Amino acid sequence: MAEPAPTPGIQERVEESLDYLIREWQGIPQLAAAWPTWDAATRDAFSQEWPSRDERLQELREYARAVVLTPAQREQYERLLHLVALHRPTLELLLAD
């Protein structure tokens, strides 16, 4: 049975999530550089907030599995996965601090 065609709302959500998450993951090196200057409250707030990004990443994984990504979105998604793999170790060190 064929997958249902993606709705414009889903396509918009995918685009927004890809743009947002690529920016966030590209920013990890700058975040790591600034981290030592942040006070404990700021670090804690960031640590509490970060899981929402992982939730959006999981949502994109589900869209990718359901084959609702356009070829351009698939390319962006692959770029995002590369950024996650590259920067996740740094992020985990910061969040464990």
PDB file of N, CA and C in Angstrom:
ATOM      1  N   MET A   1       0.855  -1.178   0.000  1.00  0.00           N
ATOM      2  CA  MET A   1       0.000   0.000   0.000  1.00  0.00           C
ATOM      3  C   MET A   1       0.898   1.239   0.000  1.00  0.00           C
ATOM      4  N   ALA A   2       0.601   2.212  -0.806  1.00  0.00           N
ATOM      5  CA  ALA A   2       1.410   3.418  -0.926  1.00  0.00           C
ATOM      6  C   ALA A   2       1.243   4.298   0.304  1.00  0.00           C
ATOM      7  N   GLU A   3       2.325   4.999   0.618  1.00  0.00           N
ATOM      8  CA  GLU A   3       2.280   5.954   1.724  1.00  0.00           C
ATOM      9  C   GLU A   3       1.389   7.125   1.326  1.00  0.00           C
ATOM     10  N   PRO A   4       0.675   7.716   2.270  1.00  0.00           N
ATOM     11  CA  PRO A   4      -0.125   8.891   1.937  1.00  0.00           C
ATOM     12  C   PRO A   4       0.776  10.048   1.554  1.00  0.00           C
ATOM     13  N   ALA A   5       0.290  10.880   0.661  1.00  0.00           N
ATOM     14  CA  ALA A   5       1.066  12.050   0.253  1.00  0.00           C
ATOM     15  C   ALA A   5       1.185  13.006   1.429  1.00  0.00           C
ATOM     16  N   PRO A   6       2.381  13.596   1.595  1.00  0.00           N
ATOM     17  CA  PRO A   6       2.548  14.537   2.706  1.00  0.00           C
ATOM     18  C   PRO A   6       1.679  15.776   2.504  1.00  0.00           C
ATOM     19  N   THR A   7       1.114  16.237   3.585  1.00  0.00           N
ATOM     20  CA  THR A   7       0.277  17.432   3.520  1.00  0.00           C
ATOM     21  C   THR A   7       1.170  18.666   3.562  1.00  0.00           C
ATOM     22  N   PRO A   8       0.657  19.812   3.099  1.00  0.00           N
ATOM     23  CA  PRO A   8       1.452  21.043   3.197  1.00  0.00           C
ATOM     24  C   PRO A   8       1.871  21.351   4.635  1.00  0.00           C
ATOM     25  N   GLY A   9       1.038  21.048   5.604  1.00  0.00           N
ATOM     26  CA  GLY A   9       1.376  21.289   6.998  1.00  0.00           C
ATOM     27  C   GLY A   9       2.578  20.468   7.444  1.00  0.00           C
ATOM     28  N   ILE A  10       2.630  19.219   7.003  1.00  0.00           N
ATOM     29  CA  ILE A  10       3.773  18.371   7.335  1.00  0.00           C
ATOM     30  C   ILE A  10       5.024  18.897   6.650  1.00  0.00           C
ATOM     31  N   GLN A  11       4.904  19.274   5.398  1.00  0.00           N
ATOM     32  CA  GLN A  11       6.065  19.795   4.676  1.00  0.00           C
ATOM     33  C   GLN A  11       6.605  21.053   5.350  1.00  0.00           C
ATOM     34  N   GLU A  12       5.718  21.917   5.787  1.00  0.00           N
ATOM     35  CA  GLU A  12       6.130  23.138   6.483  1.00  0.00           C
ATOM     36  C   GLU A  12       6.820  22.793   7.804  1.00  0.00           C
ATOM     37  N   ARG A  13       6.267  21.857   8.535  1.00  0.00           N
ATOM     38  CA  ARG A  13       6.858  21.434   9.811  1.00  0.00           C
ATOM     39  C   ARG A  13       8.246  20.841   9.577  1.00  0.00           C
ATOM     40  N   VAL A  14       8.393  20.015   8.544  1.00  0.00           N
ATOM     41  CA  VAL A  14       9.687  19.416   8.220  1.00  0.00           C
ATOM     42  C   VAL A  14      10.697  20.510   7.893  1.00  0.00           C
ATOM     43  N   GLU A  15      10.309  21.456   7.053  1.00  0.00           N
ATOM     44  CA  GLU A  15      11.212  22.554   6.672  1.00  0.00           C
ATOM     45  C   GLU A  15      11.656  23.355   7.894  1.00  0.00           C
ATOM     46  N   GLU A  16      10.703  23.710   8.738  1.00  0.00           N
ATOM     47  CA  GLU A  16      11.025  24.487   9.944  1.00  0.00           C
ATOM     48  C   GLU A  16      11.958  23.706  10.862  1.00  0.00           C
ATOM     49  N   SER A  17      11.663  22.434  11.055  1.00  0.00           N
ATOM     50  CA  SER A  17      12.490  21.614  11.932  1.00  0.00           C
ATOM     51  C   SER A  17      13.898  21.442  11.373  1.00  0.00           C
ATOM     52  N   LEU A  18      14.003  21.185  10.083  1.00  0.00           N
ATOM     53  CA  LEU A  18      15.324  21.047   9.481  1.00  0.00           C
ATOM     54  C   LEU A  18      16.131  22.327   9.639  1.00  0.00           C
ATOM     55  N   ASP A  19      15.542  23.458   9.303  1.00  0.00           N
ATOM     56  CA  ASP A  19      16.251  24.739   9.420  1.00  0.00           C
ATOM     57  C   ASP A  19      16.686  24.990  10.862  1.00  0.00           C
ATOM     58  N   TYR A  20      15.772  24.817  11.783  1.00  0.00           N
ATOM     59  CA  TYR A  20      16.046  25.068  13.197  1.00  0.00           C
ATOM     60  C   TYR A  20      17.130  24.141  13.727  1.00  0.00           C
ATOM     61  N   LEU A  21      16.986  22.855  13.482  1.00  0.00           N
ATOM     62  CA  LEU A  21      17.933  21.894  14.042  1.00  0.00           C
ATOM     63  C   LEU A  21      19.313  22.002  13.408  1.00  0.00           C
ATOM     64  N   ILE A  22      19.394  22.292  12.131  1.00  0.00           N
ATOM     65  CA  ILE A  22      20.703  22.488  11.507  1.00  0.00           C
ATOM     66  C   ILE A  22      21.399  23.682  12.148  1.00  0.00           C
ATOM     67  N   ARG A  23      20.676  24.768  12.354  1.00  0.00           N
ATOM     68  CA  ARG A  23      21.275  25.940  13.027  1.00  0.00           C
ATOM     69  C   ARG A  23      21.736  25.588  14.442  1.00  0.00           C
ATOM     70  N   GLU A  24      20.895  24.883  15.175  1.00  0.00           N
ATOM     71  CA  GLU A  24      21.236  24.520  16.552  1.00  0.00           C
ATOM     72  C   GLU A  24      22.470  23.634  16.618  1.00  0.00           C
ATOM     73  N   TRP A  25      22.526  22.612  15.773  1.00  0.00           N
ATOM     74  CA  TRP A  25      23.662  21.689  15.810  1.00  0.00           C
ATOM     75  C   TRP A  25      24.927  22.329  15.247  1.00  0.00           C
ATOM     76  N   GLN A  26      24.791  23.226  14.276  1.00  0.00           N
ATOM     77  CA  GLN A  26      25.971  23.949  13.793  1.00  0.00           C
ATOM     78  C   GLN A  26      26.530  24.851  14.893  1.00  0.00           C
ATOM     79  N   GLY A  27      25.692  25.285  15.797  1.00  0.00           N
ATOM     80  CA  GLY A  27      26.096  26.195  16.853  1.00  0.00           C
ATOM     81  C   GLY A  27      26.758  25.538  18.051  1.00  0.00           C
ATOM     82  N   ILE A  28      26.852  24.226  18.077  1.00  0.00           N
ATOM     83  CA  ILE A  28      27.439  23.542  19.237  1.00  0.00           C
ATOM     84  C   ILE A  28      28.888  23.983  19.503  1.00  0.00           C
ATOM     85  N   PRO A  29      29.752  24.129  18.497  1.00  0.00           N
ATOM     86  CA  PRO A  29      31.107  24.586  18.806  1.00  0.00           C
ATOM     87  C   PRO A  29      31.135  25.966  19.487  1.00  0.00           C
ATOM     88  N   GLN A  30      30.290  26.886  19.057  1.00  0.00           N
ATOM     89  CA  GLN A  30      30.218  28.197  19.696  1.00  0.00           C
ATOM     90  C   GLN A  30      29.656  28.071  21.110  1.00  0.00           C
ATOM     91  N   LEU A  31      28.689  27.204  21.269  1.00  0.00           N
ATOM     92  CA  LEU A  31      28.128  26.941  22.592  1.00  0.00           C
ATOM     93  C   LEU A  31      29.209  26.410  23.530  1.00  0.00           C
ATOM     94  N   ALA A  32      29.990  25.463  23.044  1.00  0.00           N
ATOM     95  CA  ALA A  32      31.059  24.888  23.864  1.00  0.00           C
ATOM     96  C   ALA A  32      32.090  25.945  24.257  1.00  0.00           C
ATOM     97  N   ALA A  33      32.372  26.865  23.342  1.00  0.00           N
ATOM     98  CA  ALA A  33      33.330  27.928  23.650  1.00  0.00           C
ATOM     99  C   ALA A  33      32.785  28.878  24.708  1.00  0.00           C
ATOM    100  N   ALA A  34      31.493  29.140  24.683  1.00  0.00           N
ATOM    101  CA  ALA A  34      30.876  30.072  25.629  1.00  0.00           C
ATOM    102  C   ALA A  34      30.536  29.417  26.964  1.00  0.00           C
ATOM    103  N   TRP A  35      30.380  28.110  26.981  1.00  0.00           N
ATOM    104  CA  TRP A  35      29.917  27.374  28.162  1.00  0.00           C
ATOM    105  C   TRP A  35      30.651  27.756  29.448  1.00  0.00           C
ATOM    106  N   PRO A  36      31.989  27.853  29.440  1.00  0.00           N
ATOM    107  CA  PRO A  36      32.690  28.186  30.688  1.00  0.00           C
ATOM    108  C   PRO A  36      32.317  29.555  31.268  1.00  0.00           C
ATOM    109  N   THR A  37      31.784  30.430  30.442  1.00  0.00           N
ATOM    110  CA  THR A  37      31.418  31.769  30.921  1.00  0.00           C
ATOM    111  C   THR A  37      29.990  31.816  31.457  1.00  0.00           C
ATOM    112  N   TRP A  38      29.224  30.762  31.251  1.00  0.00           N
ATOM    113  CA  TRP A  38      27.836  30.731  31.699  1.00  0.00           C
ATOM    114  C   TRP A  38      27.774  30.383  33.180  1.00  0.00           C
ATOM    115  N   ASP A  39      26.842  31.018  33.880  1.00  0.00           N
ATOM    116  CA  ASP A  39      26.650  30.661  35.286  1.00  0.00           C
ATOM    117  C   ASP A  39      25.825  29.374  35.370  1.00  0.00           C
ATOM    118  N   ALA A  40      25.749  28.816  36.559  1.00  0.00           N
ATOM    119  CA  ALA A  40      25.071  27.534  36.766  1.00  0.00           C
ATOM    120  C   ALA A  40      23.600  27.586  36.365  1.00  0.00           C
ATOM    121  N   ALA A  41      22.937  28.686  36.629  1.00  0.00           N
ATOM    122  CA  ALA A  41      21.511  28.802  36.295  1.00  0.00           C
ATOM    123  C   ALA A  41      21.302  28.779  34.779  1.00  0.00           C
ATOM    124  N   THR A  42      22.177  29.450  34.042  1.00  0.00           N
ATOM    125  CA  THR A  42      22.064  29.484  32.589  1.00  0.00           C
ATOM    126  C   THR A  42      22.340  28.099  32.014  1.00  0.00           C
ATOM    127  N   ARG A  43      23.351  27.429  32.544  1.00  0.00           N
ATOM    128  CA  ARG A  43      23.659  26.066  32.089  1.00  0.00           C
ATOM    129  C   ARG A  43      22.491  25.127  32.376  1.00  0.00           C
ATOM    130  N   ASP A  44      21.921  25.258  33.562  1.00  0.00           N
ATOM    131  CA  ASP A  44      20.796  24.405  33.939  1.00  0.00           C
ATOM    132  C   ASP A  44      19.593  24.654  33.030  1.00  0.00           C
ATOM    133  N   ALA A  45      19.332  25.909  32.735  1.00  0.00           N
ATOM    134  CA  ALA A  45      18.205  26.236  31.857  1.00  0.00           C
ATOM    135  C   ALA A  45      18.415  25.624  30.469  1.00  0.00           C
ATOM    136  N   PHE A  46      19.627  25.732  29.958  1.00  0.00           N
ATOM    137  CA  PHE A  46      19.914  25.137  28.656  1.00  0.00           C
ATOM    138  C   PHE A  46      19.726  23.622  28.710  1.00  0.00           C
ATOM    139  N   SER A  47      20.234  23.007  29.757  1.00  0.00           N
ATOM    140  CA  SER A  47      20.126  21.548  29.908  1.00  0.00           C
ATOM    141  C   SER A  47      18.671  21.098  29.983  1.00  0.00           C
ATOM    142  N   GLN A  48      17.825  21.899  30.624  1.00  0.00           N
ATOM    143  CA  GLN A  48      16.404  21.584  30.720  1.00  0.00           C
ATOM    144  C   GLN A  48      15.697  21.755  29.381  1.00  0.00           C
ATOM    145  N   GLU A  49      16.182  22.696  28.579  1.00  0.00           N
ATOM    146  CA  GLU A  49      15.543  23.039  27.315  1.00  0.00           C
ATOM    147  C   GLU A  49      15.978  22.141  26.161  1.00  0.00           C
ATOM    148  N   TRP A  50      17.204  21.605  26.216  1.00  0.00           N
ATOM    149  CA  TRP A  50      17.743  20.866  25.066  1.00  0.00           C
ATOM    150  C   TRP A  50      16.872  19.681  24.636  1.00  0.00           C
ATOM    151  N   PRO A  51      16.268  18.913  25.521  1.00  0.00           N
ATOM    152  CA  PRO A  51      15.486  17.748  25.070  1.00  0.00           C
ATOM    153  C   PRO A  51      14.421  18.077  24.020  1.00  0.00           C
ATOM    154  N   SER A  52      13.912  19.293  23.976  1.00  0.00           N
ATOM    155  CA  SER A  52      12.924  19.629  22.946  1.00  0.00           C
ATOM    156  C   SER A  52      13.540  19.521  21.551  1.00  0.00           C
ATOM    157  N   ARG A  53      14.836  19.775  21.440  1.00  0.00           N
ATOM    158  CA  ARG A  53      15.516  19.631  20.150  1.00  0.00           C
ATOM    159  C   ARG A  53      15.616  18.156  19.764  1.00  0.00           C
ATOM    160  N   ASP A  54      15.909  17.320  20.743  1.00  0.00           N
ATOM    161  CA  ASP A  54      15.968  15.883  20.466  1.00  0.00           C
ATOM    162  C   ASP A  54      14.591  15.342  20.088  1.00  0.00           C
ATOM    163  N   GLU A  55      13.545  15.893  20.669  1.00  0.00           N
ATOM    164  CA  GLU A  55      12.191  15.482  20.300  1.00  0.00           C
ATOM    165  C   GLU A  55      11.900  15.841  18.843  1.00  0.00           C
ATOM    166  N   ARG A  56      12.327  17.032  18.423  1.00  0.00           N
ATOM    167  CA  ARG A  56      12.128  17.428  17.019  1.00  0.00           C
ATOM    168  C   ARG A  56      12.946  16.549  16.091  1.00  0.00           C
ATOM    169  N   LEU A  57      14.153  16.177  16.517  1.00  0.00           N
ATOM    170  CA  LEU A  57      14.982  15.282  15.715  1.00  0.00           C
ATOM    171  C   LEU A  57      14.290  13.926  15.565  1.00  0.00           C
ATOM    172  N   GLN A  58      13.713  13.427  16.635  1.00  0.00           N
ATOM    173  CA  GLN A  58      12.986  12.155  16.569  1.00  0.00           C
ATOM    174  C   GLN A  58      11.790  12.265  15.625  1.00  0.00           C
ATOM    175  N   GLU A  59      11.104  13.377  15.673  1.00  0.00           N
ATOM    176  CA  GLU A  59       9.979  13.586  14.763  1.00  0.00           C
ATOM    177  C   GLU A  59      10.453  13.540  13.306  1.00  0.00           C
ATOM    178  N   LEU A  60      11.589  14.165  13.023  1.00  0.00           N
ATOM    179  CA  LEU A  60      12.136  14.118  11.662  1.00  0.00           C
ATOM    180  C   LEU A  60      12.508  12.691  11.270  1.00  0.00           C
ATOM    181  N   ARG A  61      13.053  11.929  12.200  1.00  0.00           N
ATOM    182  CA  ARG A  61      13.383  10.523  11.911  1.00  0.00           C
ATOM    183  C   ARG A  61      12.127   9.763  11.491  1.00  0.00           C
ATOM    184  N   GLU A  62      11.039  10.033  12.188  1.00  0.00           N
ATOM    185  CA  GLU A  62       9.784   9.361  11.853  1.00  0.00           C
ATOM    186  C   GLU A  62       9.290   9.778  10.474  1.00  0.00           C
ATOM    187  N   TYR A  63       9.401  11.053  10.143  1.00  0.00           N
ATOM    188  CA  TYR A  63       9.012  11.504   8.801  1.00  0.00           C
ATOM    189  C   TYR A  63       9.905  10.860   7.748  1.00  0.00           C
ATOM    190  N   ALA A  64      11.203  10.746   8.039  1.00  0.00           N
ATOM    191  CA  ALA A  64      12.125  10.131   7.081  1.00  0.00           C
ATOM    192  C   ALA A  64      11.759   8.667   6.850  1.00  0.00           C
ATOM    193  N   ARG A  65      11.409   7.957   7.930  1.00  0.00           N
ATOM    194  CA  ARG A  65      11.008   6.550   7.796  1.00  0.00           C
ATOM    195  C   ARG A  65       9.710   6.416   7.014  1.00  0.00           C
ATOM    196  N   ALA A  66       8.834   7.394   7.160  1.00  0.00           N
ATOM    197  CA  ALA A  66       7.543   7.357   6.462  1.00  0.00           C
ATOM    198  C   ALA A  66       7.654   7.871   5.023  1.00  0.00           C
ATOM    199  N   VAL A  67       8.857   8.224   4.622  1.00  0.00           N
ATOM    200  CA  VAL A  67       9.158   8.677   3.271  1.00  0.00           C
ATOM    201  C   VAL A  67       8.322   9.894   2.876  1.00  0.00           C
ATOM    202  N   VAL A  68       8.248  10.861   3.755  1.00  0.00           N
ATOM    203  CA  VAL A  68       7.525  12.083   3.414  1.00  0.00           C
ATOM    204  C   VAL A  68       8.471  13.241   3.122  1.00  0.00           C
ATOM    205  N   LEU A  69       9.779  12.983   3.144  1.00  0.00           N
ATOM    206  CA  LEU A  69      10.740  14.043   2.850  1.00  0.00           C
ATOM    207  C   LEU A  69      10.935  14.163   1.339  1.00  0.00           C
ATOM    208  N   THR A  70      11.015  15.392   0.870  1.00  0.00           N
ATOM    209  CA  THR A  70      11.345  15.614  -0.531  1.00  0.00           C
ATOM    210  C   THR A  70      12.833  15.291  -0.720  1.00  0.00           C
ATOM    211  N   PRO A  71      13.307  15.162  -1.953  1.00  0.00           N
ATOM    212  CA  PRO A  71      14.743  14.925  -2.146  1.00  0.00           C
ATOM    213  C   PRO A  71      15.620  16.015  -1.507  1.00  0.00           C
ATOM    214  N   ALA A  72      15.215  17.259  -1.595  1.00  0.00           N
ATOM    215  CA  ALA A  72      15.988  18.348  -0.982  1.00  0.00           C
ATOM    216  C   ALA A  72      15.958  18.234   0.544  1.00  0.00           C
ATOM    217  N   GLN A  73      14.807  17.882   1.093  1.00  0.00           N
ATOM    218  CA  GLN A  73      14.700  17.696   2.539  1.00  0.00           C
ATOM    219  C   GLN A  73      15.531  16.494   2.983  1.00  0.00           C
ATOM    220  N   ARG A  74      15.543  15.454   2.187  1.00  0.00           N
ATOM    221  CA  ARG A  74      16.343  14.270   2.507  1.00  0.00           C
ATOM    222  C   ARG A  74      17.823  14.656   2.568  1.00  0.00           C
ATOM    223  N   GLU A  75      18.257  15.491   1.633  1.00  0.00           N
ATOM    224  CA  GLU A  75      19.647  15.952   1.629  1.00  0.00           C
ATOM    225  C   GLU A  75      19.946  16.767   2.889  1.00  0.00           C
ATOM    226  N   GLN A  76      19.044  17.660   3.260  1.00  0.00           N
ATOM    227  CA  GLN A  76      19.214  18.438   4.489  1.00  0.00           C
ATOM    228  C   GLN A  76      19.202  17.534   5.715  1.00  0.00           C
ATOM    229  N   TYR A  77      18.344  16.539   5.702  1.00  0.00           N
ATOM    230  CA  TYR A  77      18.246  15.601   6.813  1.00  0.00           C
ATOM    231  C   TYR A  77      19.562  14.836   6.978  1.00  0.00           C
ATOM    232  N   GLU A  78      20.142  14.402   5.884  1.00  0.00           N
ATOM    233  CA  GLU A  78      21.427  13.702   5.944  1.00  0.00           C
ATOM    234  C   GLU A  78      22.514  14.628   6.484  1.00  0.00           C
ATOM    235  N   ARG A  79      22.484  15.882   6.084  1.00  0.00           N
ATOM    236  CA  ARG A  79      23.429  16.875   6.616  1.00  0.00           C
ATOM    237  C   ARG A  79      23.235  17.036   8.125  1.00  0.00           C
ATOM    238  N   LEU A  80      21.986  17.093   8.553  1.00  0.00           N
ATOM    239  CA  LEU A  80      21.682  17.205   9.976  1.00  0.00           C
ATOM    240  C   LEU A  80      22.217  15.999  10.745  1.00  0.00           C
ATOM    241  N   LEU A  81      22.004  14.811  10.226  1.00  0.00           N
ATOM    242  CA  LEU A  81      22.502  13.614  10.900  1.00  0.00           C
ATOM    243  C   LEU A  81      24.023  13.643  11.033  1.00  0.00           C
ATOM    244  N   HIS A  82      24.692  14.164  10.013  1.00  0.00           N
ATOM    245  CA  HIS A  82      26.151  14.307  10.085  1.00  0.00           C
ATOM    246  C   HIS A  82      26.536  15.276  11.202  1.00  0.00           C
ATOM    247  N   LEU A  83      25.844  16.409  11.292  1.00  0.00           N
ATOM    248  CA  LEU A  83      26.119  17.386  12.350  1.00  0.00           C
ATOM    249  C   LEU A  83      25.877  16.789  13.735  1.00  0.00           C
ATOM    250  N   VAL A  84      24.806  16.026  13.873  1.00  0.00           N
ATOM    251  CA  VAL A  84      24.497  15.393  15.154  1.00  0.00           C
ATOM    252  C   VAL A  84      25.622  14.427  15.535  1.00  0.00           C
ATOM    253  N   ALA A  85      26.040  13.599  14.604  1.00  0.00           N
ATOM    254  CA  ALA A  85      27.103  12.633  14.883  1.00  0.00           C
ATOM    255  C   ALA A  85      28.408  13.353  15.239  1.00  0.00           C
ATOM    256  N   LEU A  86      28.677  14.444  14.569  1.00  0.00           N
ATOM    257  CA  LEU A  86      29.895  15.206  14.796  1.00  0.00           C
ATOM    258  C   LEU A  86      29.903  15.903  16.154  1.00  0.00           C
ATOM    259  N   HIS A  87      28.786  16.509  16.523  1.00  0.00           N
ATOM    260  CA  HIS A  87      28.739  17.360  17.712  1.00  0.00           C
ATOM    261  C   HIS A  87      28.101  16.736  18.954  1.00  0.00           C
ATOM    262  N   ARG A  88      27.454  15.580  18.831  1.00  0.00           N
ATOM    263  CA  ARG A  88      26.812  14.963  19.994  1.00  0.00           C
ATOM    264  C   ARG A  88      27.800  14.706  21.137  1.00  0.00           C
ATOM    265  N   PRO A  89      29.026  14.197  20.862  1.00  0.00           N
ATOM    266  CA  PRO A  89      29.951  13.982  21.985  1.00  0.00           C
ATOM    267  C   PRO A  89      30.262  15.264  22.767  1.00  0.00           C
ATOM    268  N   THR A  90      30.430  16.370  22.073  1.00  0.00           N
ATOM    269  CA  THR A  90      30.690  17.649  22.748  1.00  0.00           C
ATOM    270  C   THR A  90      29.492  18.056  23.580  1.00  0.00           C
ATOM    271  N   LEU A  91      28.315  17.954  23.003  1.00  0.00           N
ATOM    272  CA  LEU A  91      27.093  18.316  23.716  1.00  0.00           C
ATOM    273  C   LEU A  91      26.927  17.464  24.971  1.00  0.00           C
ATOM    274  N   GLU A  92      27.159  16.183  24.861  1.00  0.00           N
ATOM    275  CA  GLU A  92      26.992  15.297  26.015  1.00  0.00           C
ATOM    276  C   GLU A  92      27.979  15.658  27.132  1.00  0.00           C
ATOM    277  N   LEU A  93      29.194  16.042  26.766  1.00  0.00           N
ATOM    278  CA  LEU A  93      30.173  16.477  27.781  1.00  0.00           C
ATOM    279  C   LEU A  93      29.663  17.732  28.494  1.00  0.00           C
ATOM    280  N   LEU A  94      29.117  18.668  27.727  1.00  0.00           N
ATOM    281  CA  LEU A  94      28.606  19.904  28.345  1.00  0.00           C
ATOM    282  C   LEU A  94      27.427  19.613  29.260  1.00  0.00           C
ATOM    283  N   LEU A  95      26.522  18.793  28.810  1.00  0.00           N
ATOM    284  CA  LEU A  95      25.321  18.512  29.602  1.00  0.00           C
ATOM    285  C   LEU A  95      25.639  17.683  30.842  1.00  0.00           C
ATOM    286  N   ALA A  96      26.727  16.934  30.802  1.00  0.00           N
ATOM    287  CA  ALA A  96      27.143  16.134  31.965  1.00  0.00           C
ATOM    288  C   ALA A  96      27.874  16.978  33.000  1.00  0.00           C
ATOM    289  N   ASP A  97      28.297  18.171  32.593  1.00  0.00           N
ATOM    290  CA  ASP A  97      29.071  19.067  33.464  1.00  0.00           C
ATOM    291  C   ASP A  97      28.264  19.558  34.636  1.00  0.00           C
TER     292      ASP A  97
END
